């Protein structure tokens, strides 16, 4: 399955989520491309739109991401590694990990700007719709689960245009409800599935999130 752009994918997903229109929802994007997808969903559902800011940390020679630094300065380890493997890597690469962690935290604070991290108080007792432009594994969902752990939410919905089979399994594990338009055993790079791969810079993403409520009245039909 292919899409014209991420907005096209968002509009298609919004059709599957129409039951949540005006139902006290928050759309939480897991990455910049997810903001583009999520903006269409939030506009159709009359929902708030936020992005969960995170930066991945990689270890030399390891093909799988070690973990992610989140906007609250936490380091979330990838569950693809066992506890023993994480302890071994953390000991061997302690200096590198700490250096990367501080670099990523500074970058996150610059990217987040004045808006700061997602206000957890605004998520309480609401339907949370996690959105990405594509999931190759379940790690982004693990990061979101860590962020949402202290929050008492009403329901967790995961909605993505494309995902690997492994990611779909993770969606079932984390979400109360899932929506995936296309799943495959092996996925190419996310950009492969979009004709237009324009994603705004951080300033543009903030503008989209700020302006989404202003566009609720612009397109309420399906």
N, C-alpha and C. Protein backbone atom coordinates (compact mmCIF):
# COMPACT_ATOMS: atom_id res chain seq x y z
N UNK A 1 0.84 -1.19 0.00
CA UNK A 1 0.00 0.00 0.00
C UNK A 1 0.88 1.24 0.00
N UNK A 2 0.50 2.20 -0.82
CA UNK A 2 1.26 3.44 -0.93
C UNK A 2 0.34 4.64 -0.72
N UNK A 3 0.95 5.76 -0.32
CA UNK A 3 0.19 6.97 -0.01
C UNK A 3 0.79 8.16 -0.76
N UNK A 4 -0.05 9.13 -1.08
CA UNK A 4 0.44 10.34 -1.73
C UNK A 4 1.42 11.06 -0.81
N UNK A 5 1.05 11.17 0.43
CA UNK A 5 1.89 11.81 1.44
C UNK A 5 1.35 11.41 2.81
N UNK A 6 1.94 11.94 3.86
CA UNK A 6 1.51 11.56 5.21
C UNK A 6 0.14 12.10 5.56
N UNK A 7 -0.23 13.22 4.96
CA UNK A 7 -1.58 13.75 5.18
C UNK A 7 -2.63 12.80 4.60
N UNK A 8 -2.33 12.23 3.44
CA UNK A 8 -3.22 11.25 2.82
C UNK A 8 -3.41 10.05 3.75
N UNK A 9 -2.31 9.56 4.31
CA UNK A 9 -2.39 8.43 5.25
C UNK A 9 -3.22 8.79 6.47
N UNK A 10 -3.05 10.02 6.97
CA UNK A 10 -3.81 10.46 8.13
C UNK A 10 -5.30 10.52 7.85
N UNK A 11 -5.67 11.00 6.68
CA UNK A 11 -7.09 11.07 6.33
C UNK A 11 -7.70 9.68 6.24
N UNK A 12 -6.94 8.73 5.72
CA UNK A 12 -7.45 7.35 5.63
C UNK A 12 -7.64 6.75 7.02
N UNK A 13 -6.69 6.99 7.90
CA UNK A 13 -6.82 6.48 9.27
C UNK A 13 -7.98 7.15 10.00
N UNK A 14 -8.18 8.42 9.74
CA UNK A 14 -9.26 9.16 10.42
C UNK A 14 -10.61 8.53 10.14
N UNK A 15 -10.78 7.97 8.96
CA UNK A 15 -12.06 7.32 8.63
C UNK A 15 -12.32 6.14 9.56
N UNK A 16 -11.25 5.42 9.94
CA UNK A 16 -11.40 4.28 10.84
C UNK A 16 -11.62 4.71 12.29
N UNK A 17 -11.33 5.97 12.58
CA UNK A 17 -11.39 6.46 13.96
C UNK A 17 -12.56 7.41 14.19
N UNK A 18 -13.49 7.47 13.26
CA UNK A 18 -14.55 8.48 13.33
C UNK A 18 -15.41 8.37 14.58
N UNK A 19 -15.46 7.17 15.19
CA UNK A 19 -16.28 7.02 16.40
C UNK A 19 -15.74 7.86 17.56
N UNK A 20 -14.49 8.32 17.44
CA UNK A 20 -13.89 9.13 18.51
C UNK A 20 -14.04 10.63 18.28
N UNK A 21 -14.77 11.02 17.26
CA UNK A 21 -14.95 12.45 17.01
C UNK A 21 -15.64 13.12 18.19
N UNK A 22 -14.99 14.19 18.68
CA UNK A 22 -15.49 14.96 19.83
C UNK A 22 -15.66 14.08 21.07
N UNK A 23 -14.77 13.11 21.26
CA UNK A 23 -14.85 12.19 22.41
C UNK A 23 -13.70 12.41 23.39
N UNK A 24 -13.24 13.64 23.54
CA UNK A 24 -12.21 13.97 24.52
C UNK A 24 -10.92 13.19 24.26
N UNK A 25 -10.43 13.28 23.03
CA UNK A 25 -9.24 12.54 22.62
C UNK A 25 -8.01 13.45 22.56
N UNK A 26 -6.86 12.81 22.66
CA UNK A 26 -5.58 13.46 22.40
C UNK A 26 -4.82 12.60 21.40
N UNK A 27 -4.34 13.20 20.33
CA UNK A 27 -3.49 12.50 19.38
C UNK A 27 -2.04 12.77 19.77
N UNK A 28 -1.30 11.70 20.03
CA UNK A 28 0.09 11.81 20.48
C UNK A 28 0.99 11.20 19.41
N UNK A 29 1.70 12.04 18.67
CA UNK A 29 2.58 11.58 17.60
C UNK A 29 3.88 11.04 18.19
N UNK A 30 4.37 9.95 17.61
CA UNK A 30 5.58 9.31 18.11
C UNK A 30 6.83 9.79 17.40
N UNK A 31 6.68 10.52 16.31
CA UNK A 31 7.83 11.01 15.55
C UNK A 31 7.37 12.17 14.66
N UNK A 32 8.30 12.88 14.01
CA UNK A 32 7.89 14.01 13.17
C UNK A 32 6.90 13.63 12.08
N UNK A 33 7.14 12.51 11.40
CA UNK A 33 6.18 12.07 10.39
C UNK A 33 4.82 11.78 10.98
N UNK A 34 4.82 11.34 12.23
CA UNK A 34 3.56 11.07 12.91
C UNK A 34 2.76 12.33 13.16
N UNK A 35 3.44 13.48 13.25
CA UNK A 35 2.72 14.75 13.40
C UNK A 35 1.92 15.03 12.13
N UNK A 36 2.53 14.75 10.97
CA UNK A 36 1.84 14.97 9.70
C UNK A 36 0.62 14.07 9.56
N UNK A 37 0.77 12.81 9.96
CA UNK A 37 -0.35 11.87 9.94
C UNK A 37 -1.38 12.28 10.99
N UNK A 38 -0.89 12.56 12.19
CA UNK A 38 -1.77 12.85 13.31
C UNK A 38 -2.56 14.13 13.17
N UNK A 39 -2.02 15.10 12.44
CA UNK A 39 -2.72 16.38 12.27
C UNK A 39 -4.06 16.16 11.57
N UNK A 40 -4.08 15.28 10.59
CA UNK A 40 -5.33 14.99 9.88
C UNK A 40 -6.34 14.29 10.79
N UNK A 41 -5.83 13.38 11.61
CA UNK A 41 -6.70 12.66 12.55
C UNK A 41 -7.26 13.63 13.59
N UNK A 42 -6.38 14.45 14.15
CA UNK A 42 -6.80 15.41 15.18
C UNK A 42 -7.81 16.41 14.63
N UNK A 43 -7.60 16.84 13.39
CA UNK A 43 -8.52 17.80 12.79
C UNK A 43 -9.91 17.18 12.61
N UNK A 44 -9.93 15.94 12.15
CA UNK A 44 -11.21 15.27 11.92
C UNK A 44 -11.92 14.93 13.22
N UNK A 45 -11.16 14.56 14.24
CA UNK A 45 -11.77 14.14 15.51
C UNK A 45 -12.00 15.30 16.46
N UNK A 46 -11.50 16.49 16.11
CA UNK A 46 -11.53 17.64 17.01
C UNK A 46 -10.76 17.31 18.30
N UNK A 47 -9.53 16.86 18.10
CA UNK A 47 -8.67 16.44 19.21
C UNK A 47 -7.44 17.33 19.30
N UNK A 48 -6.82 17.37 20.48
CA UNK A 48 -5.54 18.04 20.64
C UNK A 48 -4.44 17.18 20.02
N UNK A 49 -3.37 17.83 19.58
CA UNK A 49 -2.25 17.13 18.96
C UNK A 49 -0.96 17.52 19.66
N UNK A 50 -0.21 16.50 20.11
CA UNK A 50 1.10 16.70 20.71
C UNK A 50 2.08 15.70 20.09
N UNK A 51 3.35 15.95 20.33
CA UNK A 51 4.38 15.01 19.89
C UNK A 51 5.22 14.58 21.09
N UNK A 52 5.48 13.30 21.18
CA UNK A 52 6.37 12.77 22.21
C UNK A 52 7.80 12.86 21.69
N UNK A 53 8.56 13.80 22.22
CA UNK A 53 9.92 14.03 21.75
C UNK A 53 10.87 13.00 22.37
N UNK A 54 11.66 12.36 21.52
CA UNK A 54 12.64 11.38 21.99
C UNK A 54 13.78 11.30 20.98
N UNK A 55 14.96 10.96 21.47
CA UNK A 55 16.14 10.81 20.62
C UNK A 55 16.78 9.46 20.91
N UNK A 56 17.04 8.71 19.86
CA UNK A 56 17.60 7.36 20.03
C UNK A 56 19.11 7.40 20.27
N UNK A 57 19.58 6.42 21.04
CA UNK A 57 21.00 6.23 21.29
C UNK A 57 21.44 4.91 20.67
N UNK A 58 22.51 4.98 19.89
CA UNK A 58 23.03 3.78 19.23
C UNK A 58 24.42 3.46 19.76
N UNK A 59 24.73 2.17 19.78
CA UNK A 59 26.04 1.69 20.20
C UNK A 59 26.79 1.22 18.96
N UNK A 60 28.07 1.58 18.82
CA UNK A 60 28.85 1.15 17.65
C UNK A 60 28.83 -0.37 17.49
N UNK A 61 28.55 -0.81 16.28
CA UNK A 61 28.55 -2.24 15.99
C UNK A 61 27.27 -2.96 16.33
N UNK A 62 26.34 -2.28 17.00
CA UNK A 62 25.06 -2.89 17.35
C UNK A 62 23.98 -2.39 16.38
N UNK A 63 23.36 -3.30 15.61
CA UNK A 63 22.36 -2.87 14.62
C UNK A 63 21.05 -2.39 15.23
N UNK A 64 20.80 -2.77 16.48
CA UNK A 64 19.54 -2.42 17.13
C UNK A 64 19.77 -1.25 18.10
N UNK A 65 18.87 -0.29 18.07
CA UNK A 65 18.94 0.87 18.97
C UNK A 65 19.02 0.43 20.43
N UNK A 66 19.94 1.01 21.19
CA UNK A 66 20.06 0.67 22.61
C UNK A 66 18.90 1.22 23.42
N UNK A 67 18.53 2.47 23.14
CA UNK A 67 17.46 3.09 23.91
C UNK A 67 17.16 4.48 23.39
N UNK A 68 16.28 5.17 24.08
CA UNK A 68 15.91 6.53 23.71
C UNK A 68 15.90 7.43 24.93
N UNK A 69 16.36 8.65 24.74
CA UNK A 69 16.24 9.68 25.76
C UNK A 69 14.95 10.44 25.49
N UNK A 70 14.12 10.59 26.51
CA UNK A 70 12.82 11.24 26.33
C UNK A 70 12.85 12.67 26.85
N UNK A 71 11.76 13.38 26.63
CA UNK A 71 11.69 14.79 26.99
C UNK A 71 11.76 15.05 28.49
N UNK A 72 11.51 14.01 29.31
CA UNK A 72 11.64 14.18 30.75
C UNK A 72 13.01 13.71 31.25
N UNK A 73 13.96 13.59 30.29
CA UNK A 73 15.36 13.23 30.58
C UNK A 73 15.56 11.76 30.96
N UNK A 74 14.55 10.93 30.77
CA UNK A 74 14.68 9.51 31.07
C UNK A 74 15.38 8.79 29.92
N UNK A 75 16.10 7.73 30.25
CA UNK A 75 16.67 6.85 29.24
C UNK A 75 15.89 5.55 29.26
N UNK A 76 15.17 5.28 28.19
CA UNK A 76 14.35 4.08 28.09
C UNK A 76 15.10 3.07 27.24
N UNK A 77 15.42 1.91 27.83
CA UNK A 77 16.16 0.89 27.10
C UNK A 77 15.24 0.09 26.19
N UNK A 78 15.81 -0.37 25.10
CA UNK A 78 15.06 -1.15 24.12
C UNK A 78 14.81 -2.56 24.66
N UNK A 79 13.56 -2.99 24.75
CA UNK A 79 13.27 -4.34 25.26
C UNK A 79 13.75 -5.45 24.34
N UNK A 80 14.26 -5.10 23.16
CA UNK A 80 14.85 -6.11 22.29
C UNK A 80 16.10 -6.71 22.92
N UNK A 81 16.71 -5.96 23.84
CA UNK A 81 17.87 -6.46 24.58
C UNK A 81 17.41 -7.07 25.90
N UNK A 82 18.08 -8.14 26.31
CA UNK A 82 17.80 -8.73 27.62
C UNK A 82 18.41 -7.85 28.70
N UNK A 83 17.99 -8.08 29.94
CA UNK A 83 18.55 -7.32 31.06
C UNK A 83 20.06 -7.50 31.14
N UNK A 84 20.51 -8.73 30.93
CA UNK A 84 21.94 -9.01 30.97
C UNK A 84 22.70 -8.29 29.88
N UNK A 85 22.14 -8.26 28.68
CA UNK A 85 22.79 -7.56 27.56
C UNK A 85 22.87 -6.07 27.83
N UNK A 86 21.81 -5.50 28.38
CA UNK A 86 21.80 -4.07 28.69
C UNK A 86 22.86 -3.75 29.74
N UNK A 87 22.94 -4.58 30.78
CA UNK A 87 23.94 -4.36 31.83
C UNK A 87 25.35 -4.44 31.26
N UNK A 88 25.58 -5.40 30.37
CA UNK A 88 26.91 -5.56 29.76
C UNK A 88 27.26 -4.35 28.89
N UNK A 89 26.33 -3.93 28.06
CA UNK A 89 26.57 -2.78 27.18
C UNK A 89 26.71 -1.49 27.99
N UNK A 90 25.90 -1.35 29.03
CA UNK A 90 25.96 -0.15 29.87
C UNK A 90 27.31 -0.04 30.58
N UNK A 91 27.88 -1.17 30.93
CA UNK A 91 29.18 -1.17 31.59
C UNK A 91 30.30 -0.88 30.59
N UNK A 92 30.22 -1.55 29.43
CA UNK A 92 31.28 -1.42 28.43
C UNK A 92 31.30 -0.02 27.80
N UNK A 93 30.11 0.54 27.59
CA UNK A 93 30.01 1.83 26.89
C UNK A 93 29.48 2.94 27.79
N UNK A 94 29.78 2.85 29.08
CA UNK A 94 29.23 3.81 30.04
C UNK A 94 29.52 5.26 29.63
N UNK A 95 30.79 5.55 29.32
CA UNK A 95 31.17 6.91 28.96
C UNK A 95 30.46 7.40 27.71
N UNK A 96 30.41 6.55 26.70
CA UNK A 96 29.75 6.90 25.45
C UNK A 96 28.26 7.14 25.66
N UNK A 97 27.63 6.27 26.43
CA UNK A 97 26.19 6.39 26.67
C UNK A 97 25.87 7.69 27.39
N UNK A 98 26.65 8.02 28.42
CA UNK A 98 26.40 9.25 29.17
C UNK A 98 26.63 10.49 28.30
N UNK A 99 27.69 10.43 27.47
CA UNK A 99 27.96 11.55 26.57
C UNK A 99 26.82 11.73 25.57
N UNK A 100 26.38 10.61 24.99
CA UNK A 100 25.26 10.65 24.05
C UNK A 100 23.98 11.13 24.72
N UNK A 101 23.80 10.68 25.94
CA UNK A 101 22.59 11.07 26.67
C UNK A 101 22.52 12.58 26.87
N UNK A 102 23.62 13.18 27.29
CA UNK A 102 23.64 14.62 27.51
C UNK A 102 23.47 15.38 26.20
N UNK A 103 24.10 14.87 25.13
CA UNK A 103 23.96 15.50 23.82
C UNK A 103 22.51 15.46 23.36
N UNK A 104 21.87 14.31 23.54
CA UNK A 104 20.48 14.15 23.10
C UNK A 104 19.54 15.02 23.94
N UNK A 105 19.81 15.14 25.23
CA UNK A 105 18.97 15.98 26.09
C UNK A 105 19.04 17.44 25.64
N UNK A 106 20.27 17.91 25.35
CA UNK A 106 20.41 19.29 24.87
C UNK A 106 19.66 19.48 23.55
N UNK A 107 19.78 18.51 22.67
CA UNK A 107 19.09 18.60 21.38
C UNK A 107 17.58 18.61 21.57
N UNK A 108 17.08 17.76 22.47
CA UNK A 108 15.65 17.71 22.73
C UNK A 108 15.13 19.05 23.24
N UNK A 109 15.86 19.65 24.17
CA UNK A 109 15.43 20.92 24.73
C UNK A 109 15.41 22.02 23.67
N UNK A 110 16.34 21.95 22.72
CA UNK A 110 16.35 22.92 21.63
C UNK A 110 15.17 22.70 20.70
N UNK A 111 14.90 21.43 20.39
CA UNK A 111 13.82 21.10 19.46
C UNK A 111 12.46 21.40 20.08
N UNK A 112 12.31 21.10 21.38
CA UNK A 112 11.03 21.32 22.05
C UNK A 112 10.71 22.80 22.15
N UNK A 113 11.73 23.63 22.30
CA UNK A 113 11.51 25.07 22.37
C UNK A 113 10.67 25.46 23.57
N UNK A 114 9.91 26.52 23.40
CA UNK A 114 9.11 27.07 24.50
C UNK A 114 7.95 26.18 24.88
N UNK A 115 7.53 25.31 23.96
CA UNK A 115 6.36 24.47 24.24
C UNK A 115 6.66 23.40 25.29
N UNK A 116 7.94 23.00 25.39
CA UNK A 116 8.30 22.00 26.39
C UNK A 116 7.75 20.62 26.07
N UNK A 117 7.80 19.73 27.07
CA UNK A 117 7.32 18.37 26.85
C UNK A 117 5.80 18.32 26.89
N UNK A 118 5.28 17.18 26.52
CA UNK A 118 3.83 16.98 26.53
C UNK A 118 3.31 17.14 27.95
N UNK A 119 2.31 17.99 28.17
CA UNK A 119 1.75 18.17 29.53
C UNK A 119 0.94 16.95 29.95
N UNK A 120 1.48 16.17 30.87
CA UNK A 120 0.81 14.93 31.27
C UNK A 120 -0.59 15.19 31.85
N UNK A 121 -0.75 16.32 32.53
CA UNK A 121 -2.06 16.62 33.12
C UNK A 121 -3.16 16.70 32.06
N UNK A 122 -2.78 17.07 30.85
CA UNK A 122 -3.77 17.17 29.78
C UNK A 122 -4.14 15.82 29.18
N UNK A 123 -3.43 14.77 29.61
CA UNK A 123 -3.69 13.42 29.08
C UNK A 123 -4.58 12.59 30.01
N UNK A 124 -4.72 13.02 31.23
CA UNK A 124 -5.43 12.22 32.22
C UNK A 124 -6.90 12.03 31.85
N UNK A 125 -7.34 10.77 32.01
CA UNK A 125 -8.73 10.37 31.79
C UNK A 125 -9.23 10.68 30.37
N UNK A 126 -8.30 10.67 29.43
CA UNK A 126 -8.68 10.92 28.04
C UNK A 126 -8.32 9.73 27.16
N UNK A 127 -8.93 9.65 26.00
CA UNK A 127 -8.55 8.65 25.00
C UNK A 127 -7.27 9.13 24.32
N UNK A 128 -6.22 8.34 24.41
CA UNK A 128 -4.93 8.69 23.79
C UNK A 128 -4.78 7.88 22.51
N UNK A 129 -4.56 8.57 21.41
CA UNK A 129 -4.35 7.91 20.12
C UNK A 129 -2.89 8.10 19.73
N UNK A 130 -2.10 7.03 19.83
CA UNK A 130 -0.69 7.07 19.44
C UNK A 130 -0.60 6.92 17.93
N UNK A 131 0.17 7.80 17.29
CA UNK A 131 0.25 7.81 15.83
C UNK A 131 1.71 7.90 15.38
N UNK A 132 2.04 7.09 14.38
CA UNK A 132 3.35 7.17 13.72
C UNK A 132 3.11 7.08 12.22
N UNK A 133 4.11 7.51 11.44
CA UNK A 133 3.97 7.34 9.99
C UNK A 133 4.42 5.96 9.54
N UNK A 134 4.97 5.17 10.48
CA UNK A 134 5.38 3.81 10.17
C UNK A 134 6.13 3.20 11.33
N UNK A 135 5.81 1.97 11.67
CA UNK A 135 6.46 1.27 12.78
C UNK A 135 7.18 0.03 12.26
N UNK A 136 8.49 0.00 12.44
CA UNK A 136 9.27 -1.17 12.04
C UNK A 136 9.46 -2.14 13.20
N UNK A 137 9.29 -1.65 14.41
CA UNK A 137 9.37 -2.50 15.60
C UNK A 137 8.51 -1.85 16.68
N UNK A 138 8.55 -2.42 17.87
CA UNK A 138 7.69 -1.91 18.93
C UNK A 138 8.37 -0.95 19.88
N UNK A 139 9.60 -0.52 19.55
CA UNK A 139 10.35 0.28 20.52
C UNK A 139 9.71 1.64 20.78
N UNK A 140 9.23 2.32 19.74
CA UNK A 140 8.58 3.62 19.97
C UNK A 140 7.37 3.48 20.89
N UNK A 141 6.70 2.34 20.81
CA UNK A 141 5.56 2.09 21.70
C UNK A 141 6.03 1.90 23.13
N UNK A 142 7.19 1.27 23.30
CA UNK A 142 7.76 1.11 24.65
C UNK A 142 8.09 2.47 25.26
N UNK A 143 8.63 3.37 24.44
CA UNK A 143 8.94 4.72 24.92
C UNK A 143 7.66 5.44 25.33
N UNK A 144 6.62 5.31 24.51
CA UNK A 144 5.33 5.94 24.83
C UNK A 144 4.74 5.35 26.10
N UNK A 145 4.84 4.03 26.25
CA UNK A 145 4.30 3.37 27.45
C UNK A 145 5.01 3.87 28.70
N UNK A 146 6.33 4.06 28.60
CA UNK A 146 7.10 4.60 29.73
C UNK A 146 6.62 6.00 30.08
N UNK A 147 6.40 6.82 29.07
CA UNK A 147 5.96 8.20 29.31
C UNK A 147 4.56 8.25 29.92
N UNK A 148 3.70 7.34 29.48
CA UNK A 148 2.30 7.36 29.94
C UNK A 148 2.08 6.60 31.25
N UNK A 149 3.09 5.90 31.72
CA UNK A 149 2.93 5.05 32.90
C UNK A 149 2.36 5.78 34.11
N UNK A 150 2.80 7.02 34.41
CA UNK A 150 2.25 7.71 35.59
C UNK A 150 0.86 8.31 35.36
N UNK A 151 0.35 8.21 34.13
CA UNK A 151 -0.89 8.90 33.78
C UNK A 151 -2.06 7.91 33.75
N UNK A 152 -3.14 8.26 34.39
CA UNK A 152 -4.36 7.44 34.34
C UNK A 152 -5.18 7.87 33.13
N UNK A 153 -5.08 7.09 32.05
CA UNK A 153 -5.81 7.44 30.83
C UNK A 153 -7.06 6.58 30.69
N UNK A 154 -7.97 7.01 29.85
CA UNK A 154 -9.23 6.29 29.67
C UNK A 154 -9.05 5.09 28.73
N UNK A 155 -8.31 5.30 27.64
CA UNK A 155 -8.16 4.25 26.64
C UNK A 155 -6.95 4.59 25.77
N UNK A 156 -6.24 3.54 25.34
CA UNK A 156 -5.06 3.74 24.49
C UNK A 156 -5.31 3.10 23.12
N UNK A 157 -5.29 3.93 22.10
CA UNK A 157 -5.49 3.48 20.72
C UNK A 157 -4.19 3.70 19.96
N UNK A 158 -3.77 2.72 19.17
CA UNK A 158 -2.57 2.86 18.34
C UNK A 158 -3.01 2.84 16.88
N UNK A 159 -2.63 3.87 16.13
CA UNK A 159 -3.05 3.99 14.73
C UNK A 159 -1.86 4.33 13.85
N UNK A 160 -1.57 3.47 12.88
CA UNK A 160 -0.44 3.70 11.97
C UNK A 160 -0.84 3.30 10.55
N UNK A 161 -0.27 3.95 9.55
CA UNK A 161 -0.54 3.55 8.17
C UNK A 161 0.14 2.24 7.80
N UNK A 162 1.39 2.07 8.23
CA UNK A 162 2.17 0.88 7.89
C UNK A 162 2.92 0.37 9.11
N UNK A 163 3.09 -0.95 9.16
CA UNK A 163 3.82 -1.55 10.29
C UNK A 163 4.32 -2.93 9.89
N UNK A 164 5.40 -3.35 10.53
CA UNK A 164 5.85 -4.73 10.36
C UNK A 164 4.97 -5.64 11.21
N UNK A 165 5.03 -6.93 10.91
CA UNK A 165 4.25 -7.89 11.69
C UNK A 165 4.67 -7.84 13.16
N UNK A 166 5.98 -7.71 13.41
CA UNK A 166 6.45 -7.61 14.79
C UNK A 166 5.90 -6.37 15.48
N UNK A 167 5.81 -5.27 14.75
CA UNK A 167 5.27 -4.05 15.32
C UNK A 167 3.78 -4.19 15.62
N UNK A 168 3.07 -4.89 14.75
CA UNK A 168 1.64 -5.13 14.99
C UNK A 168 1.44 -5.95 16.26
N UNK A 169 2.32 -6.94 16.46
CA UNK A 169 2.25 -7.72 17.71
C UNK A 169 2.43 -6.80 18.92
N UNK A 170 3.37 -5.87 18.82
CA UNK A 170 3.60 -4.91 19.92
C UNK A 170 2.40 -3.99 20.09
N UNK A 171 1.77 -3.61 18.99
CA UNK A 171 0.57 -2.76 19.07
C UNK A 171 -0.53 -3.46 19.86
N UNK A 172 -0.70 -4.75 19.60
CA UNK A 172 -1.70 -5.53 20.35
C UNK A 172 -1.34 -5.58 21.83
N UNK A 173 -0.05 -5.66 22.13
CA UNK A 173 0.40 -5.75 23.51
C UNK A 173 0.16 -4.45 24.28
N UNK A 174 0.41 -3.32 23.64
CA UNK A 174 0.33 -2.03 24.33
C UNK A 174 -1.04 -1.38 24.24
N UNK A 175 -1.73 -1.56 23.13
CA UNK A 175 -2.95 -0.81 22.89
C UNK A 175 -4.22 -1.54 23.28
N UNK A 176 -5.24 -0.77 23.68
CA UNK A 176 -6.57 -1.33 23.89
C UNK A 176 -7.26 -1.56 22.55
N UNK A 177 -6.80 -0.83 21.54
CA UNK A 177 -7.40 -0.91 20.20
C UNK A 177 -6.32 -0.51 19.20
N UNK A 178 -6.25 -1.21 18.08
CA UNK A 178 -5.23 -0.87 17.08
C UNK A 178 -5.86 -0.68 15.71
N UNK A 179 -5.21 0.17 14.92
CA UNK A 179 -5.62 0.40 13.53
C UNK A 179 -4.35 0.46 12.69
N UNK A 180 -4.23 -0.43 11.72
CA UNK A 180 -3.07 -0.47 10.82
C UNK A 180 -3.58 -0.71 9.41
N UNK A 181 -3.24 0.18 8.49
CA UNK A 181 -3.75 0.07 7.13
C UNK A 181 -3.00 -0.96 6.30
N UNK A 182 -1.72 -1.19 6.62
CA UNK A 182 -0.92 -2.15 5.85
C UNK A 182 0.16 -2.73 6.75
N UNK A 183 0.25 -4.06 6.78
CA UNK A 183 1.28 -4.75 7.58
C UNK A 183 2.00 -5.77 6.70
N UNK A 184 3.30 -5.92 6.94
CA UNK A 184 4.09 -6.87 6.16
C UNK A 184 5.19 -7.44 7.04
N UNK A 185 5.65 -8.63 6.68
CA UNK A 185 6.73 -9.27 7.42
C UNK A 185 8.00 -8.42 7.36
N UNK A 186 8.26 -7.87 6.19
CA UNK A 186 9.43 -7.02 6.02
C UNK A 186 8.99 -5.68 5.43
N UNK A 187 9.44 -4.60 6.02
CA UNK A 187 9.13 -3.27 5.52
C UNK A 187 10.39 -2.61 4.97
N UNK A 188 10.23 -1.89 3.87
CA UNK A 188 11.29 -1.02 3.40
C UNK A 188 11.34 0.21 4.32
N UNK A 189 12.25 1.12 4.03
CA UNK A 189 12.29 2.38 4.77
C UNK A 189 10.93 3.06 4.69
N UNK A 190 10.54 3.74 5.75
CA UNK A 190 9.21 4.36 5.80
C UNK A 190 8.94 5.25 4.60
N UNK A 191 9.93 6.01 4.17
CA UNK A 191 9.74 6.93 3.04
C UNK A 191 9.32 6.21 1.76
N UNK A 192 9.65 4.93 1.65
CA UNK A 192 9.32 4.16 0.44
C UNK A 192 7.82 4.15 0.17
N UNK A 193 7.02 4.26 1.20
CA UNK A 193 5.57 4.10 1.06
C UNK A 193 4.85 5.42 0.81
N UNK A 194 5.61 6.52 0.68
CA UNK A 194 5.01 7.83 0.44
C UNK A 194 5.61 8.45 -0.82
N UNK A 195 4.76 8.94 -1.72
CA UNK A 195 5.25 9.62 -2.91
C UNK A 195 5.94 10.93 -2.55
N UNK A 196 5.37 11.65 -1.61
CA UNK A 196 5.91 12.93 -1.16
C UNK A 196 6.39 12.76 0.28
N UNK A 197 7.70 12.97 0.49
CA UNK A 197 8.27 12.74 1.82
C UNK A 197 8.65 14.03 2.54
N UNK A 198 7.97 15.11 2.22
CA UNK A 198 8.23 16.37 2.89
C UNK A 198 7.73 16.31 4.34
N UNK A 199 8.64 16.53 5.27
CA UNK A 199 8.31 16.65 6.70
C UNK A 199 8.93 17.95 7.19
N UNK A 200 8.15 18.83 7.80
CA UNK A 200 8.67 20.14 8.23
C UNK A 200 9.76 20.02 9.28
N UNK A 201 10.51 21.10 9.45
CA UNK A 201 11.49 21.16 10.53
C UNK A 201 10.75 21.35 11.85
N UNK A 202 11.51 21.45 12.95
CA UNK A 202 10.87 21.51 14.27
C UNK A 202 9.94 22.71 14.41
N UNK A 203 10.33 23.85 13.83
CA UNK A 203 9.46 25.03 13.89
C UNK A 203 8.15 24.77 13.17
N UNK A 204 8.24 24.12 12.01
CA UNK A 204 7.03 23.80 11.26
C UNK A 204 6.14 22.82 11.99
N UNK A 205 6.75 21.85 12.67
CA UNK A 205 5.97 20.87 13.43
C UNK A 205 5.23 21.54 14.58
N UNK A 206 5.92 22.44 15.29
CA UNK A 206 5.27 23.17 16.38
C UNK A 206 4.09 23.99 15.85
N UNK A 207 4.27 24.58 14.68
CA UNK A 207 3.19 25.38 14.09
C UNK A 207 1.98 24.52 13.78
N UNK A 208 2.22 23.33 13.23
CA UNK A 208 1.12 22.41 12.93
C UNK A 208 0.37 22.05 14.20
N UNK A 209 1.11 21.73 15.27
CA UNK A 209 0.46 21.34 16.52
C UNK A 209 -0.33 22.49 17.13
N UNK A 210 0.24 23.69 17.07
CA UNK A 210 -0.47 24.86 17.62
C UNK A 210 -1.73 25.17 16.83
N UNK A 211 -1.66 25.01 15.51
CA UNK A 211 -2.77 25.44 14.65
C UNK A 211 -3.85 24.38 14.46
N UNK A 212 -3.59 23.15 14.87
CA UNK A 212 -4.57 22.09 14.65
C UNK A 212 -5.95 22.43 15.21
N UNK A 213 -6.07 22.93 16.46
CA UNK A 213 -7.41 23.28 16.96
C UNK A 213 -8.10 24.36 16.14
N UNK A 214 -7.32 25.23 15.50
CA UNK A 214 -7.91 26.29 14.68
C UNK A 214 -8.54 25.73 13.41
N UNK A 215 -8.12 24.53 13.04
CA UNK A 215 -8.61 23.92 11.80
C UNK A 215 -9.71 22.89 12.04
N UNK A 216 -10.16 22.74 13.29
CA UNK A 216 -11.22 21.78 13.55
C UNK A 216 -12.45 22.04 12.69
N UNK A 217 -12.78 23.34 12.52
CA UNK A 217 -13.99 23.68 11.78
C UNK A 217 -13.78 23.64 10.28
N UNK A 218 -12.52 23.50 9.83
CA UNK A 218 -12.23 23.61 8.41
C UNK A 218 -12.67 22.38 7.63
N UNK A 219 -12.61 21.21 8.26
CA UNK A 219 -12.90 19.98 7.53
C UNK A 219 -13.42 18.95 8.51
N UNK A 220 -14.69 18.97 8.82
CA UNK A 220 -15.27 18.06 9.79
C UNK A 220 -15.95 16.88 9.14
N UNK A 221 -15.91 16.81 7.82
CA UNK A 221 -16.55 15.70 7.13
C UNK A 221 -15.56 14.61 6.78
N UNK A 222 -16.10 13.49 6.31
CA UNK A 222 -15.25 12.37 5.92
C UNK A 222 -15.48 12.00 4.46
